[in-house]
Each structure stands twice: as structure tokens, then as C-alpha cells.
Amino acid sequence: MKSSDNLKDIFRQIEDHRSHINQLHNLVDILLIDIISVICGAETWEQMVGFAKSKEAFLRKFLELPSGIPSKDTLNRAFSAIDSEQFESCFVDWVNSIADISKGQIIAIDGKTIRGAKSYGKKSSIHMVSAWACENNLVLGQVKTAEKSNEITAIPELLDILNVSGNTITIDAMGTQKEIAKKIIDQDANYILAVKANQPEFRFYKPLEIYTNEDLGHGRIETRTCSVITDFQFIENENGWKNLASIIKLESTREFKNSDKATEKATRYYISSLQNDANQFQSKIRSHWAVENKLHWTLDVAFSEDASRKRAGNAAQNYSILLKIALNLLKNEASKKLSIKSKRLEAGWNDDYLLKILNLKV
């Protein structure tokens, strides 16, 4: 990551909607307390205040804190009132300012439901669609939807705010739409899109190339066979997909050692604007799952996002952005080879290490 003086520059761009009458705390201070305390393990407003009070002397080295540490109610009200779309836009600008996004990599787009943020009386939980740069290990941006089915409308919105030129976008079957494929190509990118099993026009014959590999570990043997076809004479409606160049069939067989579990078999289909060999396609399709393992799983296990009860105003959406800022900073601090959980503990104990994570100079 590029050196960045601090997060103040990005937070200063966020409009403060609070009344200026008797305003005791700066919004920038509030947001920095939020992000720093979350990095160091806090999950509730009360924990954030407790952490900030214990570190007040340290925080005063780079925060103004004209009236000391804000209360938990002040943190909640100020954070919940922030315009989420502006916060998301600032987040994307911040990512672009701190990282050189490698060209030619997989950018996986996928959605995640924040179940704990469901408000009383509401029919559905909040659903976030995020873009994950697999090589850079960065969240590039996110867009909120009312429910999972609205990913079809959220994905184009997300693509609009990202610079995906020169990269390959991977999306699961929910987002496999002709308009989305066209938008990706129009933005000078390529796509690998999962295809629903009920779309028979993509069942193909006589694959031109086949690649098989085996993965042994965790008490199982998994065999994956990837087949690729670029001759579409037996396939209907292929012209509806802009720049369609390849259709991929991925068959997997999972056998369990020393177990009574039955053998598991699965067949999945994909379409792509790329002309890669079967080995390359298999590798790129597997890369897509980093968005689940390195983003969604980490947010739930390391940050307890699914258990968060932040619901007031824009709190749930804004907190999701805050967690992604924390995750980006933690994943890309490379001076210590530690897990995310261990990095958070170390940051809470070691002020110098915390400053490294934040790219702050005091």
C-alpha cells in the first residue's frame, strides 16, 4: 500500500449533518475514534468509548478532542447520521489513494446479508454487495440493497463507482445478466459469470480442452475437471452475451477418507469473455471464492459483523464500510505475519504498531 498521512483527509470530505449549536466534538475525531477502536477489537459503542478513554493521551497526539472523549450516545448519533452514499464514495476514493490496484487480476463481486442489522418490524435484513480485489487483498467498494434479489440492480451501481479496466470480474449466478456482461465489457474489463443450472442453452458438447487436478487435504480428496469450449455451433442464443468467447464446465467430485459420508458431486457452468485454457479458467474460478473466505468469513468471525445490532439511521450500512476500512488496513500491514485477530490484539497493546496500521505520523 502507498504511504498515506492519515485518514483525516478522507473523513474531512464527509458532510456533518449535526446542528452546530452546542456541538462539542468534531466529526473527524468521532470517526477516527470509531475506526481506531474497531481495529483494536471494540465492537459496541460502549467498548469504543472505553477504549478511547484508556488511550486518550495517545489519541490527543493526532486528534483535537476539544471536549474530551465523546459519549456512546454521541458516537451513535453522529455515526448514524452520516450520508451512506457519500461515505461509500469517500471509501472508494480512499482505496484508490492508498493502493495500486493490479491490472489483470480477479475482482470478485458478491453479496452478504447483515442479519443482526434487521430492524424490528422490517421484513428483510440489510444486504451489501461488495467488490474484492483478489490479488491486492482489498475491498474496493460496496453498495447496499434492500434484499438479496436486488443484487441485479446493485451490481451495475457498484461497477459505476469502480475502475475495473484491465481486470476480470467474477460474479455468481444471481448477477449473470446480459446487461451486466455488457457493462463490464464497456468498462474495458472481462467477465467470468456463473450460469444457473436451468439455462440449458449453456450445456455444451465436445469440449475442446479438458484439465483435471486433485486436491488432497482436510480428510478428503477432491477431483476437479474443467472443460472449455469455444466452438458455439451447438449452442443457442450465444450472441446475446457481449464478447462471449468461452463456455466452461466445472465438475467436482469430493471423496471423504475414513468417513461414512457419501461421495459429493457437483457440476457448474460459466461463461466468459476470455479465451483461456482450462487450467487458467479453473484457477480464476477458484479465486472468486476469496470474497467468501477472505472477506465475508473474516467480517463475521474476526469482526462479528453478523452479530452487530447497529440499526439506527444509517448505522448498519456505515458500520459495514467502517469494518471494510479496518479490514483493508489490517490485511495490508505486512510487517508482522499475524492473523487478523492477532493483529487487532497487537494494535491494542502496541501504539507503534497501531500507527503502522493506520499509516499515521505523529
Protein backbone atom coordinates (compact mmCIF):
# COMPACT_ATOMS: atom_id res chain seq x y z
CA MET A 1 0.00 0.00 0.00
CA LYS A 2 1.10 3.54 -0.62
CA SER A 3 2.01 5.65 2.36
CA SER A 4 -0.93 7.78 3.42
CA ASP A 5 -0.52 10.51 6.03
CA ASN A 6 -3.76 9.58 7.79
CA LEU A 7 -7.47 9.01 7.45
CA LYS A 8 -8.33 12.60 8.29
CA ASP A 9 -8.23 13.65 4.64
CA ILE A 10 -10.94 11.19 3.66
CA PHE A 11 -13.11 11.82 6.73
CA ARG A 12 -12.97 15.58 6.25
CA GLN A 13 -14.87 15.15 2.98
CA ILE A 14 -17.90 13.77 4.82
CA GLU A 15 -20.64 16.31 5.45
CA ASP A 16 -21.56 16.86 9.10
CA HIS A 17 -25.37 16.93 9.36
CA ARG A 18 -25.42 17.69 13.08
CA SER A 19 -26.58 21.02 14.44
CA HIS A 20 -23.65 23.30 15.21
CA ILE A 21 -25.41 24.64 18.30
CA ASN A 22 -23.57 23.36 21.38
CA GLN A 23 -21.58 20.94 19.22
CA LEU A 24 -18.80 19.63 21.44
CA HIS A 25 -16.99 17.08 19.26
CA ASN A 26 -15.51 17.16 15.76
CA LEU A 27 -16.92 14.62 13.30
CA VAL A 28 -13.39 13.71 12.17
CA ASP A 29 -12.43 12.91 15.78
CA ILE A 30 -15.55 10.77 16.19
CA LEU A 31 -14.87 8.78 13.03
CA LEU A 32 -11.21 8.23 13.88
CA ILE A 33 -12.16 7.03 17.36
CA ASP A 34 -14.61 4.63 15.70
CA ILE A 35 -12.09 3.17 13.25
CA ILE A 36 -9.17 3.00 15.70
CA SER A 37 -11.22 1.31 18.41
CA VAL A 38 -12.65 -1.20 15.93
CA ILE A 39 -9.15 -2.06 14.69
CA CYS A 40 -8.16 -2.70 18.30
CA GLY A 41 -11.09 -5.03 18.98
CA ALA A 42 -14.05 -2.86 20.05
CA GLU A 43 -17.47 -3.88 18.70
CA THR A 44 -20.03 -1.77 20.59
CA TRP A 45 -20.34 1.98 21.19
CA GLU A 46 -19.66 1.40 24.88
CA GLN A 47 -16.48 -0.55 24.09
CA MET A 48 -15.34 2.21 21.72
CA VAL A 49 -15.73 4.82 24.44
CA GLY A 50 -13.93 2.61 26.98
CA PHE A 51 -11.03 2.06 24.58
CA ALA A 52 -10.80 5.77 23.71
CA LYS A 53 -10.74 6.80 27.38
CA SER A 54 -7.95 4.32 28.10
CA LYS A 55 -5.95 5.72 25.15
CA GLU A 56 -6.87 9.40 25.49
CA ALA A 57 -3.28 10.60 25.92
CA PHE A 58 -2.24 8.68 22.80
CA LEU A 59 -5.24 9.88 20.76
CA ARG A 60 -4.52 13.52 21.62
CA LYS A 61 -1.29 13.27 19.61
CA PHE A 62 -3.33 13.45 16.39
CA LEU A 63 -6.94 14.26 17.39
CA GLU A 64 -8.21 17.61 18.67
CA LEU A 65 -10.72 16.25 21.23
CA PRO A 66 -11.84 19.75 22.35
CA SER A 67 -14.30 18.29 24.88
CA GLY A 68 -12.57 15.03 25.67
CA ILE A 69 -13.88 11.62 24.64
CA PRO A 70 -17.46 11.62 23.24
CA SER A 71 -20.14 9.56 24.97
CA LYS A 72 -21.52 6.37 23.44
CA ASP A 73 -24.75 8.20 22.55
CA THR A 74 -22.77 10.90 20.73
CA LEU A 75 -20.84 8.28 18.76
CA ASN A 76 -24.07 6.52 17.83
CA ARG A 77 -25.97 9.66 16.79
CA ALA A 78 -23.14 11.16 14.76
CA PHE A 79 -22.25 7.91 13.01
CA SER A 80 -25.88 7.04 12.23
CA ALA A 81 -26.50 10.47 10.67
CA ILE A 82 -23.70 10.25 8.07
CA ASP A 83 -24.93 10.02 4.48
CA SER A 84 -24.09 6.43 3.49
CA GLU A 85 -23.72 7.10 -0.22
CA GLN A 86 -21.22 9.86 0.48
CA PHE A 87 -19.38 7.61 2.93
CA GLU A 88 -19.22 4.84 0.31
CA SER A 89 -17.91 7.28 -2.29
CA CYS A 90 -15.24 8.52 0.11
CA PHE A 91 -14.32 4.92 0.88
CA VAL A 92 -13.73 4.18 -2.82
CA ASP A 93 -11.64 7.36 -3.17
CA TRP A 94 -9.61 6.35 -0.12
CA VAL A 95 -8.91 2.86 -1.51
CA ASN A 96 -7.78 4.37 -4.81
CA SER A 97 -5.48 6.77 -2.95
CA ILE A 98 -3.68 4.15 -0.85
CA ALA A 99 -3.27 1.23 -3.25
CA ASP A 100 -2.06 0.47 -6.75
CA ILE A 101 -4.78 -1.89 -7.98
CA SER A 102 -3.01 -4.50 -10.08
CA LYS A 103 -4.28 -4.99 -13.60
CA GLY A 104 -5.19 -8.44 -14.85
CA GLN A 105 -6.44 -9.70 -11.51
CA ILE A 106 -9.77 -11.16 -10.47
CA ILE A 107 -12.26 -8.74 -8.93
CA ALA A 108 -14.92 -10.86 -7.25
CA ILE A 109 -18.35 -9.31 -6.71
CA ASP A 110 -20.66 -10.93 -4.20
CA GLY A 111 -23.33 -10.08 -1.65
CA LYS A 112 -23.58 -10.59 2.11
CA THR A 113 -26.58 -10.24 4.37
CA ILE A 114 -26.02 -8.48 7.71
CA ARG A 115 -28.56 -10.43 9.72
CA GLY A 116 -28.11 -8.64 13.04
CA ALA A 117 -28.92 -5.28 11.46
CA LYS A 118 -32.53 -6.24 10.75
CA SER A 119 -34.75 -3.63 12.38
CA TYR A 120 -37.83 -4.56 14.31
CA GLY A 121 -40.85 -4.69 12.04
CA LYS A 122 -38.73 -4.87 8.88
CA LYS A 123 -39.25 -7.81 6.53
CA SER A 124 -35.62 -8.27 5.49
CA SER A 125 -32.11 -7.69 6.70
CA ILE A 126 -29.65 -5.32 5.05
CA HIS A 127 -27.72 -6.83 2.14
CA MET A 128 -24.34 -5.48 0.98
CA VAL A 129 -22.79 -6.16 -2.42
CA SER A 130 -19.01 -5.81 -2.31
CA ALA A 131 -16.10 -5.96 -4.75
CA TRP A 132 -12.94 -7.79 -3.61
CA ALA A 133 -9.58 -7.46 -5.42
CA CYS A 134 -8.16 -10.96 -5.03
CA GLU A 135 -4.51 -10.11 -5.67
CA ASN A 136 -4.41 -6.87 -3.69
CA ASN A 137 -6.45 -8.30 -0.79
CA LEU A 138 -8.62 -5.21 -0.70
CA VAL A 139 -12.30 -4.35 -0.56
CA LEU A 140 -12.74 -1.91 -3.43
CA GLY A 141 -16.28 -0.74 -2.71
CA GLN A 142 -19.79 -1.71 -1.64
CA VAL A 143 -23.42 -0.90 -2.41
CA LYS A 144 -26.43 -1.58 -0.17
CA THR A 145 -29.53 -3.41 -1.40
CA ALA A 146 -32.81 -4.00 0.38
CA GLU A 147 -32.59 -7.75 -0.15
CA LYS A 148 -30.54 -10.39 -1.98
CA SER A 149 -32.74 -10.38 -5.08
CA ASN A 150 -31.76 -6.76 -5.72
CA GLU A 151 -28.14 -7.68 -6.46
CA ILE A 152 -29.12 -7.42 -10.13
CA THR A 153 -29.62 -3.68 -9.73
CA ALA A 154 -26.83 -3.15 -7.19
CA ILE A 155 -24.03 -4.70 -9.28
CA PRO A 156 -24.26 -2.09 -12.08
CA GLU A 157 -24.25 0.65 -9.43
CA LEU A 158 -21.12 -0.85 -7.90
CA LEU A 159 -19.42 -1.13 -11.30
CA ASP A 160 -20.21 2.55 -11.91
CA ILE A 161 -18.13 3.67 -8.91
CA LEU A 162 -15.16 1.35 -9.53
CA ASN A 163 -12.30 1.46 -12.00
CA VAL A 164 -12.25 -2.14 -13.23
CA SER A 165 -10.43 -1.54 -16.52
CA GLY A 166 -7.97 -4.29 -17.36
CA ASN A 167 -9.33 -6.74 -14.79
CA THR A 168 -11.65 -9.76 -14.84
CA ILE A 169 -14.97 -9.56 -12.97
CA THR A 170 -16.38 -12.75 -11.46
CA ILE A 171 -20.00 -12.93 -10.28
CA ASP A 172 -22.22 -15.79 -9.13
CA ALA A 173 -25.37 -16.83 -10.97
CA MET A 174 -27.54 -14.15 -9.34
CA GLY A 175 -25.69 -11.46 -11.29
CA THR A 176 -25.39 -13.28 -14.60
CA GLN A 177 -27.38 -10.86 -16.74
CA LYS A 178 -26.73 -9.75 -20.32
CA GLU A 179 -26.86 -6.08 -19.31
CA ILE A 180 -24.23 -6.67 -16.61
CA ALA A 181 -21.96 -8.54 -19.04
CA LYS A 182 -22.28 -5.64 -21.49
CA LYS A 183 -21.48 -3.09 -18.79
CA ILE A 184 -18.32 -4.98 -17.82
CA ILE A 185 -17.10 -5.06 -21.41
CA ASP A 186 -17.99 -1.39 -21.91
CA GLN A 187 -15.74 -0.61 -18.93
CA ASP A 188 -12.79 -2.30 -20.66
CA ALA A 189 -12.86 -5.36 -18.39
CA ASN A 190 -13.55 -9.08 -18.89
CA TYR A 191 -16.02 -11.37 -17.17
CA ILE A 192 -16.41 -14.90 -15.85
CA LEU A 193 -20.05 -15.39 -14.86
CA ALA A 194 -21.63 -18.41 -13.22
CA VAL A 195 -24.65 -19.77 -15.09
CA LYS A 196 -27.81 -21.09 -13.47
CA ALA A 197 -28.44 -24.79 -13.91
CA ASN A 198 -31.82 -24.05 -15.50
CA GLN A 199 -30.25 -22.34 -18.53
CA PRO A 200 -29.94 -25.33 -20.89
CA GLU A 201 -28.55 -23.26 -23.77
CA PHE A 202 -25.18 -23.40 -21.97
CA ARG A 203 -24.98 -27.18 -21.80
CA PHE A 204 -22.36 -27.95 -24.40
CA TYR A 205 -20.81 -30.86 -26.22
CA LYS A 206 -17.36 -31.89 -27.45
CA PRO A 207 -15.17 -29.74 -25.20
CA LEU A 208 -12.01 -28.58 -26.94
CA GLU A 209 -9.84 -28.81 -23.84
CA ILE A 210 -10.01 -30.60 -20.51
CA TYR A 211 -7.88 -30.10 -17.40
CA THR A 212 -8.12 -32.25 -14.25
CA ASN A 213 -6.44 -31.84 -10.89
CA GLU A 214 -6.71 -33.39 -7.46
CA ASP A 215 -6.60 -31.69 -4.09
CA LEU A 216 -5.80 -33.83 -1.04
CA GLY A 217 -6.33 -32.44 2.43
CA HIS A 218 -8.69 -31.95 5.36
CA GLY A 219 -9.68 -35.60 5.26
CA ARG A 220 -10.91 -35.57 1.68
CA ILE A 221 -9.85 -35.96 -1.92
CA GLU A 222 -11.36 -33.50 -4.36
CA THR A 223 -11.07 -34.03 -8.09
CA ARG A 224 -11.90 -31.10 -10.35
CA THR A 225 -12.30 -31.38 -14.11
CA CYS A 226 -12.54 -28.20 -16.16
CA SER A 227 -13.78 -28.34 -19.76
CA VAL A 228 -13.73 -25.41 -22.18
CA ILE A 229 -15.49 -24.87 -25.50
CA THR A 230 -15.06 -22.00 -27.91
CA ASP A 231 -16.99 -23.50 -30.83
CA PHE A 232 -20.61 -22.46 -30.34
CA GLN A 233 -22.23 -24.22 -33.32
CA PHE A 234 -24.26 -26.49 -31.00
CA ILE A 235 -25.30 -23.70 -28.60
CA GLU A 236 -28.32 -21.46 -28.91
CA ASN A 237 -28.54 -17.74 -28.05
CA GLU A 238 -24.81 -17.24 -27.54
CA ASN A 239 -24.93 -13.92 -29.41
CA GLY A 240 -26.93 -12.29 -26.62
CA TRP A 241 -23.82 -12.09 -24.42
CA LYS A 242 -21.42 -9.34 -25.38
CA ASN A 243 -17.95 -10.62 -26.34
CA LEU A 244 -18.75 -14.19 -25.28
CA ALA A 245 -15.62 -16.19 -26.07
CA SER A 246 -15.71 -19.31 -23.88
CA ILE A 247 -18.09 -21.57 -22.02
CA ILE A 248 -16.73 -23.53 -19.09
CA LYS A 249 -17.97 -26.66 -17.37
CA LEU A 250 -16.51 -27.44 -13.95
CA GLU A 251 -17.15 -30.88 -12.48
CA SER A 252 -16.03 -31.66 -8.94
CA THR A 253 -16.04 -34.93 -7.02
CA ARG A 254 -15.33 -34.94 -3.30
CA GLU A 255 -14.47 -38.21 -1.56
CA PHE A 256 -14.04 -38.39 2.20
CA LYS A 257 -11.29 -40.53 3.72
CA ASN A 258 -12.06 -42.59 6.82
CA SER A 259 -15.67 -41.48 6.77
CA ASP A 260 -19.10 -42.86 6.05
CA LYS A 261 -20.03 -39.69 4.14
CA ALA A 262 -21.23 -40.27 0.62
CA THR A 263 -19.20 -39.00 -2.31
CA GLU A 264 -20.31 -35.49 -3.29
CA LYS A 265 -20.54 -34.47 -6.94
CA ALA A 266 -21.32 -31.08 -8.45
CA THR A 267 -21.37 -29.60 -11.93
CA ARG A 268 -21.25 -25.86 -12.57
CA TYR A 269 -21.27 -23.82 -15.77
CA TYR A 270 -19.68 -20.45 -16.54
CA ILE A 271 -19.47 -18.05 -19.47
CA SER A 272 -16.52 -15.77 -20.15
CA SER A 273 -15.24 -13.09 -22.49
CA LEU A 274 -11.74 -14.56 -22.08
CA GLN A 275 -10.05 -17.16 -24.23
CA ASN A 276 -8.01 -19.00 -21.61
CA ASP A 277 -7.03 -22.64 -21.32
CA ALA A 278 -8.83 -24.97 -18.90
CA ASN A 279 -6.11 -24.71 -16.25
CA GLN A 280 -6.31 -20.89 -16.22
CA PHE A 281 -10.09 -20.90 -16.04
CA GLN A 282 -10.10 -23.34 -13.15
CA SER A 283 -7.63 -21.15 -11.24
CA LYS A 284 -9.62 -17.95 -11.88
CA ILE A 285 -12.93 -19.52 -10.90
CA ARG A 286 -11.38 -20.75 -7.63
CA SER A 287 -10.04 -17.23 -7.00
CA HIS A 288 -13.61 -15.94 -6.88
CA TRP A 289 -14.20 -17.69 -3.57
CA ALA A 290 -11.66 -15.39 -1.87
CA VAL A 291 -14.56 -12.95 -1.50
CA GLU A 292 -16.23 -15.52 0.77
CA ASN A 293 -13.14 -16.78 2.61
CA LYS A 294 -11.14 -13.57 2.98
CA LEU A 295 -13.94 -11.01 3.17
CA HIS A 296 -17.32 -12.33 4.29
CA TRP A 297 -15.96 -15.06 6.59
CA THR A 298 -13.44 -12.67 8.15
CA LEU A 299 -16.07 -9.98 8.74
CA ASP A 300 -18.23 -12.50 10.62
CA VAL A 301 -15.52 -14.41 12.52
CA ALA A 302 -12.95 -11.67 13.24
CA PHE A 303 -15.30 -8.65 13.46
CA SER A 304 -18.63 -10.30 14.45
CA GLU A 305 -20.46 -8.32 11.76
CA ASP A 306 -23.41 -10.69 11.63
CA ALA A 307 -23.95 -10.22 15.37
CA SER A 308 -23.88 -6.41 15.20
CA ARG A 309 -27.11 -4.76 16.38
CA LYS A 310 -26.35 -1.32 14.95
CA ARG A 311 -29.67 -0.35 13.36
CA ALA A 312 -30.43 3.34 13.96
CA GLY A 313 -30.46 5.56 10.88
CA ASN A 314 -27.61 4.66 8.53
CA ALA A 315 -25.62 2.90 11.24
CA ALA A 316 -25.65 -0.62 9.75
CA GLN A 317 -24.52 0.49 6.30
CA ASN A 318 -21.92 2.91 7.66
CA TYR A 319 -20.58 0.34 10.12
CA SER A 320 -20.15 -2.12 7.25
CA ILE A 321 -17.99 0.48 5.48
CA LEU A 322 -16.05 1.09 8.69
CA LEU A 323 -15.30 -2.62 9.06
CA LYS A 324 -14.05 -2.76 5.48
CA ILE A 325 -11.71 0.18 6.12
CA ALA A 326 -10.38 -1.68 9.17
CA LEU A 327 -10.02 -4.93 7.21
CA ASN A 328 -8.15 -3.23 4.35
CA LEU A 329 -5.73 -1.60 6.79
CA LEU A 330 -5.14 -4.80 8.77
CA LYS A 331 -4.72 -7.10 5.77
CA ASN A 332 -2.22 -4.82 4.09
CA GLU A 333 0.02 -4.17 7.10
CA ALA A 334 2.77 -6.62 6.26
CA SER A 335 5.48 -6.00 8.87
CA LYS A 336 4.14 -8.83 11.06
CA LYS A 337 2.87 -12.20 9.84
CA LEU A 338 -0.15 -12.46 12.08
CA SER A 339 -3.81 -13.39 11.72
CA ILE A 340 -6.39 -10.59 11.64
CA LYS A 341 -7.38 -11.39 15.22
CA SER A 342 -3.76 -11.28 16.40
CA LYS A 343 -3.12 -8.03 14.55
CA ARG A 344 -6.08 -6.45 16.31
CA LEU A 345 -4.76 -7.56 19.70
CA GLU A 346 -1.26 -6.33 18.88
CA ALA A 347 -2.65 -2.97 17.74
CA GLY A 348 -4.46 -2.57 21.06
CA TRP A 349 -1.30 -3.31 23.02
CA ASN A 350 1.31 -1.60 20.85
CA ASP A 351 0.82 2.06 19.89
CA ASP A 352 3.69 2.00 17.38
CA TYR A 353 2.14 -0.96 15.58
CA LEU A 354 -1.26 0.75 15.58
CA LEU A 355 0.32 3.79 13.91
CA LYS A 356 1.79 1.50 11.23
CA ILE A 357 -1.65 0.04 10.51
CA LEU A 358 -3.19 3.49 10.27
CA ASN A 359 -0.31 4.97 8.26
CA LEU A 360 -0.37 7.83 10.74
CA LYS A 361 2.55 10.10 11.58
CA VAL A 362 2.58 11.80 14.99
